[in-house]
Amino acid sequence: MDDAMVREVRITRIFDAPRELVWAAWTEAEQLKRWFMPHGFTVPECEVDLREGGHLHMLVRGPDGMEMANDGEFHQVDPPERLVLTTSAFEGPDGLPLLEVRNTVTFADLGGKTEMSLHAVVQRATPEMAAPLAGMEEGWLQSFDKLDGFLAGREADSSEREIATTRVLDAPRDVVWRAWTDPEQVVRWWGPKGFTTTIEEMDVRPGGVWRHTMHGPDGTDYPTKVVFLEVREPERLAYLHGEPGEPDHFFATVILDDEGGKTRLSMRSLFPSAADRDRVAEEYGAVEGMESTIDELAAFLAARSEEGRQA
């Protein structure tokens, strides 16, 4: 497996529901279909053979309508305390899965609430799985947002762990896309006012890596690794900023909508928890930093437009 790949994810979450209900949500097919998989994904088929050596089968439908199998095998079933199962997906040309993950899930009773802990360890992954692996933690976090909503009888909500902004930019969408994906343009605007950026590499494709260093006004350097998860020109970018397990990492999406020759930019950063979001907002001024960065983008686009008129 490539050294750049994510190898494991650990997540602990407390649900305001008894342990037996959380266990049932994990082990009953009709309940799994209601929450399993990230936002925008559905599970039209699910079969559960809940015993050691039993199989889990899911048909997963993505936001684009594409379908694929997500199958698994139960290795340990200890109700209502512990599940161990291996899941596999992305069938290769030889019929073998390109990705296989061993998941250990524990459920602790907290007097009517449940502390659930997930430890997902990658056992097999081919190089083309870099993007799915980089998005594995956020995928689970979004699934658990859905599980929380399902258990509480409401819609899933990730807003408490997000920082988001929307801006209409006075430039066509293809121009804004190039400003986001051409390293020679990115270095001219990336970062809040007063920051500069050096780019070591920028490979804009799913699984591609963007390494850059932001230089603060006080001389502090902030080296950063980004892995692109989704690249849909000229509409959408999704990427992991930092590494799971590292402080201050987050999952980001950039959506560009055409507004009659202008571009509506929607940018969203999702942190592992509300506490992580609040800490980054307080310690680093992340909310103001995002707005300032978009200010810099808007100024860059305006300058480019003026240069074009004068040429």
Protein backbone atom coordinates (compact mmCIF):
# COMPACT_ATOMS: atom_id res chain seq x y z
CA MET A 1 0.00 0.00 0.00
CA ASP A 2 1.24 3.50 -0.83
CA ASP A 3 2.67 5.36 2.18
CA ALA A 4 0.46 8.35 1.37
CA MET A 5 -2.71 6.33 1.92
CA VAL A 6 -4.85 6.53 5.02
CA ARG A 7 -4.55 3.21 6.84
CA GLU A 8 -6.92 3.52 9.78
CA VAL A 9 -9.62 5.70 11.29
CA ARG A 10 -10.83 5.96 14.89
CA ILE A 11 -14.09 7.70 15.78
CA THR A 12 -15.98 7.83 19.08
CA ARG A 13 -19.48 9.27 19.28
CA ILE A 14 -22.15 9.47 21.97
CA PHE A 15 -25.75 8.89 20.90
CA ASP A 16 -28.77 9.88 22.98
CA ALA A 17 -30.31 6.44 22.70
CA PRO A 18 -30.09 3.16 24.65
CA ARG A 19 -27.40 0.71 23.61
CA GLU A 20 -29.92 -1.86 22.41
CA LEU A 21 -31.35 0.63 19.90
CA VAL A 22 -27.95 1.60 18.57
CA TRP A 23 -27.02 -2.08 18.26
CA ALA A 24 -30.24 -2.75 16.34
CA ALA A 25 -29.51 0.16 13.99
CA TRP A 26 -26.18 -1.51 13.15
CA THR A 27 -27.48 -5.07 12.79
CA GLU A 28 -30.99 -4.97 11.29
CA ALA A 29 -31.14 -4.61 7.51
CA GLU A 30 -34.12 -2.25 7.34
CA GLN A 31 -32.48 0.08 9.84
CA LEU A 32 -29.05 -0.01 8.18
CA LYS A 33 -30.66 1.10 4.92
CA ARG A 34 -31.90 4.26 6.66
CA TRP A 35 -28.51 5.67 7.71
CA PHE A 36 -25.54 3.75 6.35
CA MET A 37 -23.33 5.65 3.84
CA PRO A 38 -22.62 9.42 3.58
CA HIS A 39 -25.01 12.20 2.60
CA GLY A 40 -26.38 11.78 -0.92
CA PHE A 41 -25.92 7.99 -0.91
CA THR A 42 -28.71 5.48 -0.47
CA VAL A 43 -28.85 1.74 0.21
CA PRO A 44 -31.72 0.25 -1.83
CA GLU A 45 -30.73 -3.34 -0.93
CA CYS A 46 -29.39 -4.74 2.34
CA GLU A 47 -29.10 -8.30 3.66
CA VAL A 48 -27.69 -9.19 7.09
CA ASP A 49 -26.74 -12.68 8.26
CA LEU A 50 -25.84 -11.75 11.83
CA ARG A 51 -23.52 -14.51 13.06
CA GLU A 52 -19.82 -15.20 13.06
CA GLY A 53 -18.99 -16.12 9.48
CA GLY A 54 -22.26 -14.58 8.28
CA HIS A 55 -22.33 -12.12 5.41
CA LEU A 56 -23.44 -8.53 4.94
CA HIS A 57 -24.56 -7.42 1.48
CA MET A 58 -25.44 -3.88 0.45
CA LEU A 59 -26.20 -2.30 -2.87
CA VAL A 60 -25.11 1.33 -2.62
CA ARG A 61 -26.39 4.05 -4.95
CA GLY A 62 -24.33 7.22 -5.27
CA PRO A 63 -25.54 10.79 -5.86
CA ASP A 64 -24.84 10.33 -9.59
CA GLY A 65 -27.04 7.21 -9.74
CA MET A 66 -24.15 4.75 -10.06
CA GLU A 67 -24.51 1.56 -8.04
CA MET A 68 -21.98 -0.81 -6.54
CA ALA A 69 -21.88 -3.63 -4.03
CA ASN A 70 -20.52 -3.12 -0.53
CA ASP A 71 -20.20 -6.57 1.00
CA GLY A 72 -18.82 -7.86 4.24
CA GLU A 73 -18.33 -10.74 6.64
CA PHE A 74 -18.97 -10.78 10.39
CA HIS A 75 -16.03 -12.05 12.45
CA GLN A 76 -17.35 -11.34 15.93
CA VAL A 77 -20.92 -10.73 17.07
CA ASP A 78 -21.29 -10.03 20.78
CA PRO A 79 -24.65 -8.27 21.35
CA PRO A 80 -25.03 -5.54 22.37
CA GLU A 81 -21.36 -4.76 23.02
CA ARG A 82 -19.11 -5.53 20.07
CA LEU A 83 -19.14 -6.11 16.31
CA VAL A 84 -16.16 -7.01 14.13
CA LEU A 85 -16.72 -7.17 10.39
CA THR A 86 -14.72 -6.88 7.21
CA THR A 87 -16.19 -4.82 4.38
CA SER A 88 -15.05 -4.83 0.76
CA ALA A 89 -15.88 -2.66 -2.25
CA PHE A 90 -14.77 -1.53 -5.72
CA GLU A 91 -14.46 -4.83 -7.56
CA GLY A 92 -11.39 -5.02 -9.78
CA PRO A 93 -11.09 -6.65 -13.22
CA ASP A 94 -9.97 -9.89 -11.56
CA GLY A 95 -13.11 -10.00 -9.43
CA LEU A 96 -11.22 -9.17 -6.22
CA PRO A 97 -12.11 -6.08 -4.18
CA LEU A 98 -9.80 -3.10 -4.58
CA LEU A 99 -10.53 -2.08 -1.00
CA GLU A 100 -10.99 -4.18 2.14
CA VAL A 101 -11.40 -2.77 5.64
CA ARG A 102 -11.71 -4.50 9.02
CA ASN A 103 -14.13 -2.59 11.27
CA THR A 104 -14.35 -3.03 15.03
CA VAL A 105 -17.35 -1.33 16.64
CA THR A 106 -17.96 -1.26 20.40
CA PHE A 107 -21.05 -0.03 22.24
CA ALA A 108 -20.82 1.15 25.88
CA ASP A 109 -23.87 1.86 28.04
CA LEU A 110 -23.88 5.37 29.51
CA GLY A 111 -27.07 5.21 31.54
CA GLY A 112 -29.53 5.47 28.69
CA LYS A 113 -27.06 6.90 26.20
CA THR A 114 -24.52 4.97 24.14
CA GLU A 115 -20.84 5.57 23.51
CA MET A 116 -20.01 4.00 20.17
CA SER A 117 -16.38 3.60 19.07
CA LEU A 118 -15.27 2.63 15.56
CA HIS A 119 -11.79 1.44 14.63
CA ALA A 120 -11.47 0.90 10.87
CA VAL A 121 -8.21 -0.66 9.64
CA VAL A 122 -7.40 -0.96 5.94
CA GLN A 123 -6.33 -4.50 5.06
CA ARG A 124 -6.17 -4.23 1.28
CA ALA A 125 -6.06 -1.21 -1.01
CA THR A 126 -4.76 -0.69 -4.52
CA PRO A 127 -3.16 2.64 -5.53
CA GLU A 128 -6.35 3.90 -7.18
CA MET A 129 -8.07 3.76 -3.76
CA ALA A 130 -6.16 6.82 -2.48
CA ALA A 131 -9.20 9.11 -2.86
CA PRO A 132 -11.78 6.80 -1.18
CA LEU A 133 -9.34 6.19 1.68
CA ALA A 134 -8.71 9.91 2.16
CA GLY A 135 -12.48 10.37 2.42
CA MET A 136 -13.06 7.37 4.69
CA GLU A 137 -13.20 9.30 7.97
CA GLU A 138 -15.59 11.94 6.64
CA GLY A 139 -17.72 9.22 5.07
CA TRP A 140 -18.14 7.59 8.47
CA LEU A 141 -18.76 10.94 10.17
CA GLN A 142 -21.55 11.77 7.74
CA SER A 143 -23.02 8.29 8.21
CA PHE A 144 -23.00 8.83 11.97
CA ASP A 145 -24.69 12.22 11.53
CA LYS A 146 -27.41 10.31 9.67
CA LEU A 147 -27.52 7.64 12.39
CA ASP A 148 -27.90 10.32 15.05
CA GLY A 149 -30.81 11.84 13.12
CA PHE A 150 -32.37 8.42 12.56
CA LEU A 151 -32.22 7.53 16.26
CA ALA A 152 -33.63 10.94 17.23
CA GLY A 153 -36.38 10.89 14.59
CA ARG A 154 -35.16 13.97 12.72
CA GLU A 155 -33.14 14.90 9.65
CA ALA A 156 -29.37 14.42 9.69
CA ASP A 157 -27.47 17.60 10.52
CA SER A 158 -23.74 18.24 10.10
CA SER A 159 -23.95 22.03 10.55
CA GLU A 160 -22.56 22.07 14.09
CA ARG A 161 -19.18 20.87 12.82
CA GLU A 162 -18.95 23.06 9.72
CA ILE A 163 -17.62 26.43 8.63
CA ALA A 164 -19.25 27.59 5.41
CA THR A 165 -19.56 30.60 3.16
CA THR A 166 -21.26 31.55 -0.11
CA ARG A 167 -20.19 34.33 -2.44
CA VAL A 168 -21.16 35.46 -5.94
CA LEU A 169 -17.97 36.19 -7.90
CA ASP A 170 -17.93 38.50 -10.91
CA ALA A 171 -16.29 35.99 -13.26
CA PRO A 172 -17.46 33.06 -15.43
CA ARG A 173 -17.41 29.62 -13.84
CA ASP A 174 -14.62 28.24 -16.06
CA VAL A 175 -12.41 31.20 -15.07
CA VAL A 176 -13.06 30.58 -11.36
CA TRP A 177 -12.39 26.86 -11.84
CA ARG A 178 -8.97 27.59 -13.35
CA ALA A 179 -8.20 29.97 -10.49
CA TRP A 180 -8.80 27.06 -8.09
CA THR A 181 -6.91 24.39 -10.03
CA ASP A 182 -3.99 26.09 -11.82
CA PRO A 183 -1.06 26.32 -9.37
CA GLU A 184 0.30 29.43 -11.09
CA GLN A 185 -2.98 31.18 -10.30
CA VAL A 186 -3.55 29.64 -6.86
CA VAL A 187 -0.32 31.10 -5.46
CA ARG A 188 -1.54 34.59 -6.34
CA TRP A 189 -4.56 34.51 -4.02
CA TRP A 190 -4.62 31.48 -1.70
CA GLY A 191 -4.82 32.28 2.00
CA PRO A 192 -6.12 35.16 4.13
CA LYS A 193 -4.90 38.72 3.55
CA GLY A 194 -1.22 39.08 4.42
CA PHE A 195 -0.38 35.42 3.73
CA THR A 196 1.62 34.06 0.81
CA THR A 197 1.81 30.50 -0.48
CA THR A 198 4.50 28.26 -1.94
CA ILE A 199 3.27 25.18 -3.84
CA GLU A 200 5.50 22.09 -3.88
CA GLU A 201 3.10 19.95 -5.94
CA MET A 202 -0.51 20.16 -7.08
CA ASP A 203 -2.01 17.12 -8.80
CA VAL A 204 -5.68 17.96 -9.34
CA ARG A 205 -7.34 14.54 -9.76
CA PRO A 206 -9.07 12.10 -7.39
CA GLY A 207 -6.29 10.78 -5.14
CA GLY A 208 -3.91 13.52 -6.29
CA VAL A 209 -1.88 15.39 -3.69
CA TRP A 210 -1.47 19.14 -3.22
CA ARG A 211 1.44 20.07 -0.94
CA HIS A 212 1.88 23.71 -0.13
CA THR A 213 3.24 25.98 2.58
CA MET A 214 1.40 29.07 3.72
CA HIS A 215 3.62 31.85 5.07
CA GLY A 216 1.99 34.01 7.72
CA PRO A 217 2.56 37.76 8.09
CA ASP A 218 4.60 37.06 11.25
CA GLY A 219 6.93 34.68 9.40
CA THR A 220 5.30 31.46 10.63
CA ASP A 221 5.14 28.68 8.04
CA TYR A 222 2.18 26.32 7.80
CA PRO A 223 3.06 23.24 5.69
CA THR A 224 -0.06 21.48 4.45
CA LYS A 225 -1.01 18.33 2.61
CA VAL A 226 -4.28 18.09 0.70
CA VAL A 227 -5.66 14.99 -1.02
CA PHE A 228 -8.30 15.55 -3.70
CA LEU A 229 -11.30 13.24 -3.34
CA GLU A 230 -13.52 14.50 -6.12
CA VAL A 231 -12.71 16.63 -9.16
CA ARG A 232 -15.73 17.40 -11.34
CA GLU A 233 -14.81 20.18 -13.76
CA PRO A 234 -16.08 22.93 -13.64
CA GLU A 235 -18.57 22.23 -10.86
CA ARG A 236 -17.10 20.66 -7.75
CA LEU A 237 -13.93 19.98 -5.79
CA ALA A 238 -13.77 17.89 -2.62
CA TYR A 239 -10.59 17.33 -0.64
CA LEU A 240 -9.11 16.28 2.69
CA HIS A 241 -6.99 18.98 4.31
CA GLY A 242 -4.42 17.34 6.60
CA GLU A 243 -4.48 13.71 7.76
CA PRO A 244 -7.04 11.89 9.91
CA GLY A 245 -5.67 11.81 13.44
CA GLU A 246 -3.75 15.06 13.00
CA PRO A 247 -5.01 18.20 14.76
CA ASP A 248 -7.03 20.63 12.66
CA HIS A 249 -7.69 18.35 9.70
CA PHE A 250 -10.96 18.78 7.86
CA PHE A 251 -12.97 17.76 4.79
CA ALA A 252 -13.73 20.55 2.31
CA THR A 253 -16.05 21.01 -0.63
CA VAL A 254 -16.02 23.79 -3.21
CA ILE A 255 -19.11 24.07 -5.43
CA LEU A 256 -19.27 26.45 -8.40
CA ASP A 257 -22.69 27.30 -9.85
CA ASP A 258 -23.20 29.37 -12.99
CA GLU A 259 -25.08 32.61 -12.31
CA GLY A 260 -25.55 34.00 -15.82
CA GLY A 261 -21.89 34.78 -16.46
CA LYS A 262 -21.03 35.14 -12.78
CA THR A 263 -20.24 32.30 -10.37
CA ARG A 264 -21.84 31.37 -7.08
CA LEU A 265 -19.10 29.88 -4.91
CA SER A 266 -20.17 27.69 -1.97
CA MET A 267 -17.32 26.57 0.28
CA ARG A 268 -17.73 24.24 3.24
CA SER A 269 -15.22 22.85 5.72
CA LEU A 270 -16.37 19.95 7.91
CA PHE A 271 -14.39 19.12 11.06
CA PRO A 272 -14.51 15.80 12.93
CA SER A 273 -16.63 17.31 15.71
CA ALA A 274 -18.29 20.51 16.86
CA ALA A 275 -15.53 20.87 19.48
CA ASP A 276 -12.86 20.69 16.78
CA ARG A 277 -14.71 23.27 14.72
CA ASP A 278 -15.05 25.64 17.67
CA ARG A 279 -11.40 25.25 18.68
CA VAL A 280 -10.11 26.00 15.18
CA ALA A 281 -12.47 28.97 14.88
CA GLU A 282 -11.22 30.38 18.19
CA GLU A 283 -7.50 29.60 17.95
CA TYR A 284 -6.92 30.32 14.26
CA GLY A 285 -9.80 32.62 13.33
CA ALA A 286 -10.92 30.05 10.75
CA VAL A 287 -14.25 31.73 10.01
CA GLU A 288 -12.61 35.08 9.30
CA GLY A 289 -9.78 33.29 7.50
CA MET A 290 -12.17 31.62 5.07
CA GLU A 291 -13.91 34.93 4.30
CA SER A 292 -10.58 36.70 3.86
CA THR A 293 -9.35 34.01 1.50
CA ILE A 294 -12.44 34.44 -0.68
CA ASP A 295 -11.86 38.21 -0.57
CA GLU A 296 -8.39 37.56 -1.98
CA LEU A 297 -9.86 35.33 -4.70
CA ALA A 298 -12.39 38.02 -5.65
CA ALA A 299 -9.64 40.65 -5.83
CA PHE A 300 -7.47 38.34 -7.96
CA LEU A 301 -10.33 37.69 -10.39
CA ALA A 302 -11.07 41.42 -10.63
CA ALA A 303 -7.41 42.14 -11.38
CA ARG A 304 -7.33 39.42 -14.03
CA SER A 305 -10.43 40.86 -15.65
CA GLU A 306 -8.89 44.33 -15.70
CA GLU A 307 -5.69 42.93 -17.21
CA GLY A 308 -7.79 41.30 -19.93
CA ARG A 309 -9.56 44.56 -20.75
CA GLN A 310 -6.26 46.42 -21.02
CA ALA A 311 -4.57 43.78 -23.18
